[in-house]
């Protein structure tokens, strides 16, 4: 299992719920969470088959920005 970490523009629970609909629907996302207390609104994704660009594209389709952190 791999944990991918992203900087996002998810700034409220409403944004998280909207993006969450896309994240929850993806069969290869095992778990995810967003830390709104962090300045970069960190999104953590647990997956076994996805890469950073897959998540960036998924969030983009939901109307949000994310950038994988190394």
PDB file of N, CA and C in Angstrom:
ATOM      1  N   UNK A   1       0.845  -1.180   0.000  1.00  0.00           N
ATOM      2  CA  UNK A   1       0.000   0.000   0.000  1.00  0.00           C
ATOM      3  C   UNK A   1       0.890   1.243   0.000  1.00  0.00           C
ATOM      4  N   UNK A   2       0.433   2.260  -0.685  1.00  0.00           N
ATOM      5  CA  UNK A   2       1.166   3.518  -0.796  1.00  0.00           C
ATOM      6  C   UNK A   2       0.296   4.651  -0.273  1.00  0.00           C
ATOM      7  N   UNK A   3       0.929   5.609   0.379  1.00  0.00           N
ATOM      8  CA  UNK A   3       0.227   6.815   0.830  1.00  0.00           C
ATOM      9  C   UNK A   3       0.729   7.975  -0.008  1.00  0.00           C
ATOM     10  N   UNK A   4      -0.188   8.595  -0.737  1.00  0.00           N
ATOM     11  CA  UNK A   4       0.118   9.757  -1.565  1.00  0.00           C
ATOM     12  C   UNK A   4      -0.328  11.002  -0.809  1.00  0.00           C
ATOM     13  N   UNK A   5       0.466  12.064  -0.871  1.00  0.00           N
ATOM     14  CA  UNK A   5       0.191  13.290  -0.118  1.00  0.00           C
ATOM     15  C   UNK A   5       0.150  14.459  -1.093  1.00  0.00           C
ATOM     16  N   UNK A   6      -0.891  15.301  -0.939  1.00  0.00           N
ATOM     17  CA  UNK A   6      -1.122  16.401  -1.870  1.00  0.00           C
ATOM     18  C   UNK A   6      -1.423  17.700  -1.141  1.00  0.00           C
ATOM     19  N   UNK A   7      -0.955  18.784  -1.711  1.00  0.00           N
ATOM     20  CA  UNK A   7      -1.372  20.141  -1.352  1.00  0.00           C
ATOM     21  C   UNK A   7      -2.647  20.391  -2.158  1.00  0.00           C
ATOM     22  N   UNK A   8      -3.690  20.968  -1.528  1.00  0.00           N
ATOM     23  CA  UNK A   8      -4.960  21.168  -2.238  1.00  0.00           C
ATOM     24  C   UNK A   8      -5.519  22.569  -2.002  1.00  0.00           C
ATOM     25  N   UNK A   9      -6.599  22.851  -2.728  1.00  0.00           N
ATOM     26  CA  UNK A   9      -7.367  24.071  -2.473  1.00  0.00           C
ATOM     27  C   UNK A   9      -8.707  23.736  -1.814  1.00  0.00           C
ATOM     28  N   UNK A  10      -8.786  22.598  -1.153  1.00  0.00           N
ATOM     29  CA  UNK A  10      -9.986  22.222  -0.396  1.00  0.00           C
ATOM     30  C   UNK A  10      -9.975  23.023   0.905  1.00  0.00           C
ATOM     31  N   UNK A  11     -10.889  23.980   1.023  1.00  0.00           N
ATOM     32  CA  UNK A  11     -10.812  24.919   2.142  1.00  0.00           C
ATOM     33  C   UNK A  11     -11.961  24.830   3.132  1.00  0.00           C
ATOM     34  N   UNK A  12     -12.916  23.946   2.882  1.00  0.00           N
ATOM     35  CA  UNK A  12     -14.065  23.844   3.788  1.00  0.00           C
ATOM     36  C   UNK A  12     -14.627  22.435   3.738  1.00  0.00           C
ATOM     37  N   UNK A  13     -15.497  22.125   4.680  1.00  0.00           N
ATOM     38  CA  UNK A  13     -16.143  20.814   4.682  1.00  0.00           C
ATOM     39  C   UNK A  13     -17.011  20.641   3.437  1.00  0.00           C
ATOM     40  N   UNK A  14     -17.568  21.711   2.952  1.00  0.00           N
ATOM     41  CA  UNK A  14     -18.370  21.622   1.724  1.00  0.00           C
ATOM     42  C   UNK A  14     -17.506  21.160   0.545  1.00  0.00           C
ATOM     43  N   UNK A  15     -16.321  21.753   0.400  1.00  0.00           N
ATOM     44  CA  UNK A  15     -15.388  21.339  -0.656  1.00  0.00           C
ATOM     45  C   UNK A  15     -14.983  19.880  -0.475  1.00  0.00           C
ATOM     46  N   UNK A  16     -14.679  19.513   0.759  1.00  0.00           N
ATOM     47  CA  UNK A  16     -14.268  18.137   1.044  1.00  0.00           C
ATOM     48  C   UNK A  16     -15.386  17.163   0.696  1.00  0.00           C
ATOM     49  N   UNK A  17     -16.614  17.489   1.039  1.00  0.00           N
ATOM     50  CA  UNK A  17     -17.739  16.612   0.723  1.00  0.00           C
ATOM     51  C   UNK A  17     -17.929  16.484  -0.783  1.00  0.00           C
ATOM     52  N   UNK A  18     -17.791  17.587  -1.513  1.00  0.00           N
ATOM     53  CA  UNK A  18     -17.931  17.540  -2.974  1.00  0.00           C
ATOM     54  C   UNK A  18     -16.831  16.679  -3.598  1.00  0.00           C
ATOM     55  N   UNK A  19     -15.590  16.919  -3.208  1.00  0.00           N
ATOM     56  CA  UNK A  19     -14.479  16.134  -3.735  1.00  0.00           C
ATOM     57  C   UNK A  19     -14.568  14.690  -3.254  1.00  0.00           C
ATOM     58  N   UNK A  20     -15.067  14.512  -2.042  1.00  0.00           N
ATOM     59  CA  UNK A  20     -15.197  13.180  -1.468  1.00  0.00           C
ATOM     60  C   UNK A  20     -16.100  12.262  -2.273  1.00  0.00           C
ATOM     61  N   UNK A  21     -17.089  12.819  -2.923  1.00  0.00           N
ATOM     62  CA  UNK A  21     -17.965  12.003  -3.766  1.00  0.00           C
ATOM     63  C   UNK A  21     -17.152  11.336  -4.880  1.00  0.00           C
ATOM     64  N   UNK A  22     -16.195  12.054  -5.445  1.00  0.00           N
ATOM     65  CA  UNK A  22     -15.325  11.496  -6.486  1.00  0.00           C
ATOM     66  C   UNK A  22     -14.336  10.497  -5.888  1.00  0.00           C
ATOM     67  N   UNK A  23     -13.761  10.842  -4.739  1.00  0.00           N
ATOM     68  CA  UNK A  23     -12.783   9.970  -4.104  1.00  0.00           C
ATOM     69  C   UNK A  23     -13.425   8.663  -3.634  1.00  0.00           C
ATOM     70  N   UNK A  24     -14.591   8.763  -3.036  1.00  0.00           N
ATOM     71  CA  UNK A  24     -15.283   7.572  -2.537  1.00  0.00           C
ATOM     72  C   UNK A  24     -15.729   6.651  -3.659  1.00  0.00           C
ATOM     73  N   UNK A  25     -16.003   7.205  -4.814  1.00  0.00           N
ATOM     74  CA  UNK A  25     -16.489   6.406  -5.942  1.00  0.00           C
ATOM     75  C   UNK A  25     -15.365   5.644  -6.648  1.00  0.00           C
ATOM     76  N   UNK A  26     -14.122   6.013  -6.394  1.00  0.00           N
ATOM     77  CA  UNK A  26     -13.009   5.366  -7.093  1.00  0.00           C
ATOM     78  C   UNK A  26     -12.647   4.055  -6.391  1.00  0.00           C
ATOM     79  N   UNK A  27     -12.674   2.938  -7.112  1.00  0.00           N
ATOM     80  CA  UNK A  27     -12.446   1.636  -6.477  1.00  0.00           C
ATOM     81  C   UNK A  27     -11.019   1.402  -5.969  1.00  0.00           C
ATOM     82  N   UNK A  28     -10.045   2.169  -6.434  1.00  0.00           N
ATOM     83  CA  UNK A  28      -8.660   1.942  -6.021  1.00  0.00           C
ATOM     84  C   UNK A  28      -8.206   2.874  -4.901  1.00  0.00           C
ATOM     85  N   UNK A  29      -9.113   3.714  -4.411  1.00  0.00           N
ATOM     86  CA  UNK A  29      -8.793   4.554  -3.257  1.00  0.00           C
ATOM     87  C   UNK A  29      -9.325   3.825  -2.023  1.00  0.00           C
ATOM     88  N   UNK A  30      -8.405   3.402  -1.169  1.00  0.00           N
ATOM     89  CA  UNK A  30      -8.780   2.625   0.010  1.00  0.00           C
ATOM     90  C   UNK A  30      -9.266   3.532   1.139  1.00  0.00           C
ATOM     91  N   UNK A  31      -8.512   4.590   1.412  1.00  0.00           N
ATOM     92  CA  UNK A  31      -8.864   5.567   2.439  1.00  0.00           C
ATOM     93  C   UNK A  31      -8.309   6.918   2.038  1.00  0.00           C
ATOM     94  N   UNK A  32      -8.931   7.969   2.559  1.00  0.00           N
ATOM     95  CA  UNK A  32      -8.427   9.311   2.295  1.00  0.00           C
ATOM     96  C   UNK A  32      -8.846  10.220   3.437  1.00  0.00           C
ATOM     97  N   UNK A  33      -8.112  11.323   3.613  1.00  0.00           N
ATOM     98  CA  UNK A  33      -8.499  12.350   4.577  1.00  0.00           C
ATOM     99  C   UNK A  33      -7.859  13.669   4.186  1.00  0.00           C
ATOM    100  N   UNK A  34      -8.447  14.734   4.686  1.00  0.00           N
ATOM    101  CA  UNK A  34      -7.948  16.089   4.426  1.00  0.00           C
ATOM    102  C   UNK A  34      -7.702  16.761   5.769  1.00  0.00           C
ATOM    103  N   UNK A  35      -6.569  17.419   5.894  1.00  0.00           N
ATOM    104  CA  UNK A  35      -6.210  18.156   7.101  1.00  0.00           C
ATOM    105  C   UNK A  35      -6.396  19.653   6.841  1.00  0.00           C
ATOM    106  N   UNK A  36      -7.532  20.192   7.268  1.00  0.00           N
ATOM    107  CA  UNK A  36      -7.810  21.615   7.080  1.00  0.00           C
ATOM    108  C   UNK A  36      -7.019  22.493   8.045  1.00  0.00           C
ATOM    109  N   UNK A  37      -6.420  21.896   9.067  1.00  0.00           N
ATOM    110  CA  UNK A  37      -5.611  22.659  10.017  1.00  0.00           C
ATOM    111  C   UNK A  37      -4.245  22.997   9.434  1.00  0.00           C
ATOM    112  N   UNK A  38      -3.827  22.260   8.420  1.00  0.00           N
ATOM    113  CA  UNK A  38      -2.547  22.508   7.751  1.00  0.00           C
ATOM    114  C   UNK A  38      -2.721  23.654   6.752  1.00  0.00           C
ATOM    115  N   UNK A  39      -1.709  24.484   6.615  1.00  0.00           N
ATOM    116  CA  UNK A  39      -1.778  25.635   5.688  1.00  0.00           C
ATOM    117  C   UNK A  39      -2.001  25.200   4.247  1.00  0.00           C
ATOM    118  N   UNK A  40      -1.549  23.991   3.891  1.00  0.00           N
ATOM    119  CA  UNK A  40      -1.688  23.497   2.517  1.00  0.00           C
ATOM    120  C   UNK A  40      -2.903  22.593   2.328  1.00  0.00           C
ATOM    121  N   UNK A  41      -3.770  22.500   3.337  1.00  0.00           N
ATOM    122  CA  UNK A  41      -4.973  21.651   3.252  1.00  0.00           C
ATOM    123  C   UNK A  41      -4.621  20.279   2.682  1.00  0.00           C
ATOM    124  N   UNK A  42      -3.787  19.572   3.400  1.00  0.00           N
ATOM    125  CA  UNK A  42      -3.188  18.315   2.940  1.00  0.00           C
ATOM    126  C   UNK A  42      -4.232  17.217   2.756  1.00  0.00           C
ATOM    127  N   UNK A  43      -4.169  16.582   1.588  1.00  0.00           N
ATOM    128  CA  UNK A  43      -4.974  15.405   1.261  1.00  0.00           C
ATOM    129  C   UNK A  43      -4.054  14.199   1.271  1.00  0.00           C
ATOM    130  N   UNK A  44      -4.436  13.169   2.042  1.00  0.00           N
ATOM    131  CA  UNK A  44      -3.686  11.911   2.065  1.00  0.00           C
ATOM    132  C   UNK A  44      -4.570  10.821   1.485  1.00  0.00           C
ATOM    133  N   UNK A  45      -4.002  10.052   0.570  1.00  0.00           N
ATOM    134  CA  UNK A  45      -4.727   8.978  -0.111  1.00  0.00           C
ATOM    135  C   UNK A  45      -3.971   7.671   0.110  1.00  0.00           C
ATOM    136  N   UNK A  46      -4.689   6.630   0.545  1.00  0.00           N
ATOM    137  CA  UNK A  46      -4.111   5.293   0.619  1.00  0.00           C
ATOM    138  C   UNK A  46      -4.605   4.519  -0.602  1.00  0.00           C
ATOM    139  N   UNK A  47      -3.653   3.976  -1.364  1.00  0.00           N
ATOM    140  CA  UNK A  47      -3.981   3.270  -2.597  1.00  0.00           C
ATOM    141  C   UNK A  47      -2.926   2.205  -2.875  1.00  0.00           C
ATOM    142  N   UNK A  48      -3.282   1.252  -3.695  1.00  0.00           N
ATOM    143  CA  UNK A  48      -2.316   0.249  -4.129  1.00  0.00           C
ATOM    144  C   UNK A  48      -2.033   0.344  -5.624  1.00  0.00           C
ATOM    145  N   UNK A  49      -2.845   1.101  -6.362  1.00  0.00           N
ATOM    146  CA  UNK A  49      -2.723   1.077  -7.816  1.00  0.00           C
ATOM    147  C   UNK A  49      -2.646   2.441  -8.481  1.00  0.00           C
ATOM    148  N   UNK A  50      -2.827   3.517  -7.750  1.00  0.00           N
ATOM    149  CA  UNK A  50      -2.864   4.838  -8.379  1.00  0.00           C
ATOM    150  C   UNK A  50      -1.556   5.584  -8.161  1.00  0.00           C
ATOM    151  N   UNK A  51      -1.298   6.534  -9.054  1.00  0.00           N
ATOM    152  CA  UNK A  51      -0.140   7.417  -8.896  1.00  0.00           C
ATOM    153  C   UNK A  51      -0.647   8.847  -8.691  1.00  0.00           C
ATOM    154  N   UNK A  52       0.273   9.747  -8.414  1.00  0.00           N
ATOM    155  CA  UNK A  52      -0.095  11.127  -8.130  1.00  0.00           C
ATOM    156  C   UNK A  52      -0.884  11.791  -9.233  1.00  0.00           C
ATOM    157  N   UNK A  53      -0.501  11.568 -10.472  1.00  0.00           N
ATOM    158  CA  UNK A  53      -1.208  12.217 -11.584  1.00  0.00           C
ATOM    159  C   UNK A  53      -2.649  11.708 -11.710  1.00  0.00           C
ATOM    160  N   UNK A  54      -2.895  10.457 -11.318  1.00  0.00           N
ATOM    161  CA  UNK A  54      -4.270   9.934 -11.330  1.00  0.00           C
ATOM    162  C   UNK A  54      -5.159  10.740 -10.380  1.00  0.00           C
ATOM    163  N   UNK A  55      -4.637  11.023  -9.195  1.00  0.00           N
ATOM    164  CA  UNK A  55      -5.403  11.780  -8.195  1.00  0.00           C
ATOM    165  C   UNK A  55      -5.558  13.229  -8.641  1.00  0.00           C
ATOM    166  N   UNK A  56      -4.507  13.807  -9.186  1.00  0.00           N
ATOM    167  CA  UNK A  56      -4.586  15.185  -9.672  1.00  0.00           C
ATOM    168  C   UNK A  56      -5.668  15.310 -10.743  1.00  0.00           C
ATOM    169  N   UNK A  57      -5.729  14.357 -11.658  1.00  0.00           N
ATOM    170  CA  UNK A  57      -6.760  14.368 -12.701  1.00  0.00           C
ATOM    171  C   UNK A  57      -8.154  14.179 -12.118  1.00  0.00           C
ATOM    172  N   UNK A  58      -8.287  13.286 -11.152  1.00  0.00           N
ATOM    173  CA  UNK A  58      -9.584  13.034 -10.526  1.00  0.00           C
ATOM    174  C   UNK A  58     -10.110  14.286  -9.828  1.00  0.00           C
ATOM    175  N   UNK A  59      -9.247  14.946  -9.048  1.00  0.00           N
ATOM    176  CA  UNK A  59      -9.677  16.163  -8.353  1.00  0.00           C
ATOM    177  C   UNK A  59      -9.970  17.283  -9.331  1.00  0.00           C
ATOM    178  N   UNK A  60      -9.224  17.339 -10.412  1.00  0.00           N
ATOM    179  CA  UNK A  60      -9.468  18.343 -11.442  1.00  0.00           C
ATOM    180  C   UNK A  60     -10.871  18.170 -12.034  1.00  0.00           C
ATOM    181  N   UNK A  61     -11.268  16.937 -12.270  1.00  0.00           N
ATOM    182  CA  UNK A  61     -12.620  16.676 -12.783  1.00  0.00           C
ATOM    183  C   UNK A  61     -13.689  17.101 -11.794  1.00  0.00           C
ATOM    184  N   UNK A  62     -13.359  17.054 -10.511  1.00  0.00           N
ATOM    185  CA  UNK A  62     -14.299  17.486  -9.472  1.00  0.00           C
ATOM    186  C   UNK A  62     -14.291  19.002  -9.312  1.00  0.00           C
ATOM    187  N   UNK A  63     -13.348  19.681  -9.993  1.00  0.00           N
ATOM    188  CA  UNK A  63     -13.292  21.134  -9.933  1.00  0.00           C
ATOM    189  C   UNK A  63     -12.325  21.676  -8.897  1.00  0.00           C
ATOM    190  N   UNK A  64     -11.393  20.832  -8.430  1.00  0.00           N
ATOM    191  CA  UNK A  64     -10.446  21.243  -7.397  1.00  0.00           C
ATOM    192  C   UNK A  64      -9.016  21.031  -7.871  1.00  0.00           C
ATOM    193  N   UNK A  65      -8.105  21.706  -7.174  1.00  0.00           N
ATOM    194  CA  UNK A  65      -6.685  21.637  -7.497  1.00  0.00           C
ATOM    195  C   UNK A  65      -5.979  20.803  -6.440  1.00  0.00           C
ATOM    196  N   UNK A  66      -5.032  19.977  -6.859  1.00  0.00           N
ATOM    197  CA  UNK A  66      -4.116  19.343  -5.922  1.00  0.00           C
ATOM    198  C   UNK A  66      -2.783  19.128  -6.619  1.00  0.00           C
ATOM    199  N   UNK A  67      -1.737  19.128  -5.816  1.00  0.00           N
ATOM    200  CA  UNK A  67      -0.374  18.945  -6.320  1.00  0.00           C
ATOM    201  C   UNK A  67       0.329  17.966  -5.384  1.00  0.00           C
ATOM    202  N   UNK A  68       0.861  16.901  -5.962  1.00  0.00           N
ATOM    203  CA  UNK A  68       1.531  15.895  -5.128  1.00  0.00           C
ATOM    204  C   UNK A  68       2.779  16.481  -4.486  1.00  0.00           C
ATOM    205  N   UNK A  69       2.955  16.170  -3.214  1.00  0.00           N
ATOM    206  CA  UNK A  69       4.145  16.579  -2.466  1.00  0.00           C
ATOM    207  C   UNK A  69       5.095  15.390  -2.386  1.00  0.00           C
ATOM    208  N   UNK A  70       6.365  15.674  -2.456  1.00  0.00           N
ATOM    209  CA  UNK A  70       7.369  14.598  -2.418  1.00  0.00           C
ATOM    210  C   UNK A  70       7.871  14.379  -1.018  1.00  0.00           C
TER     211      UNK A  70
END
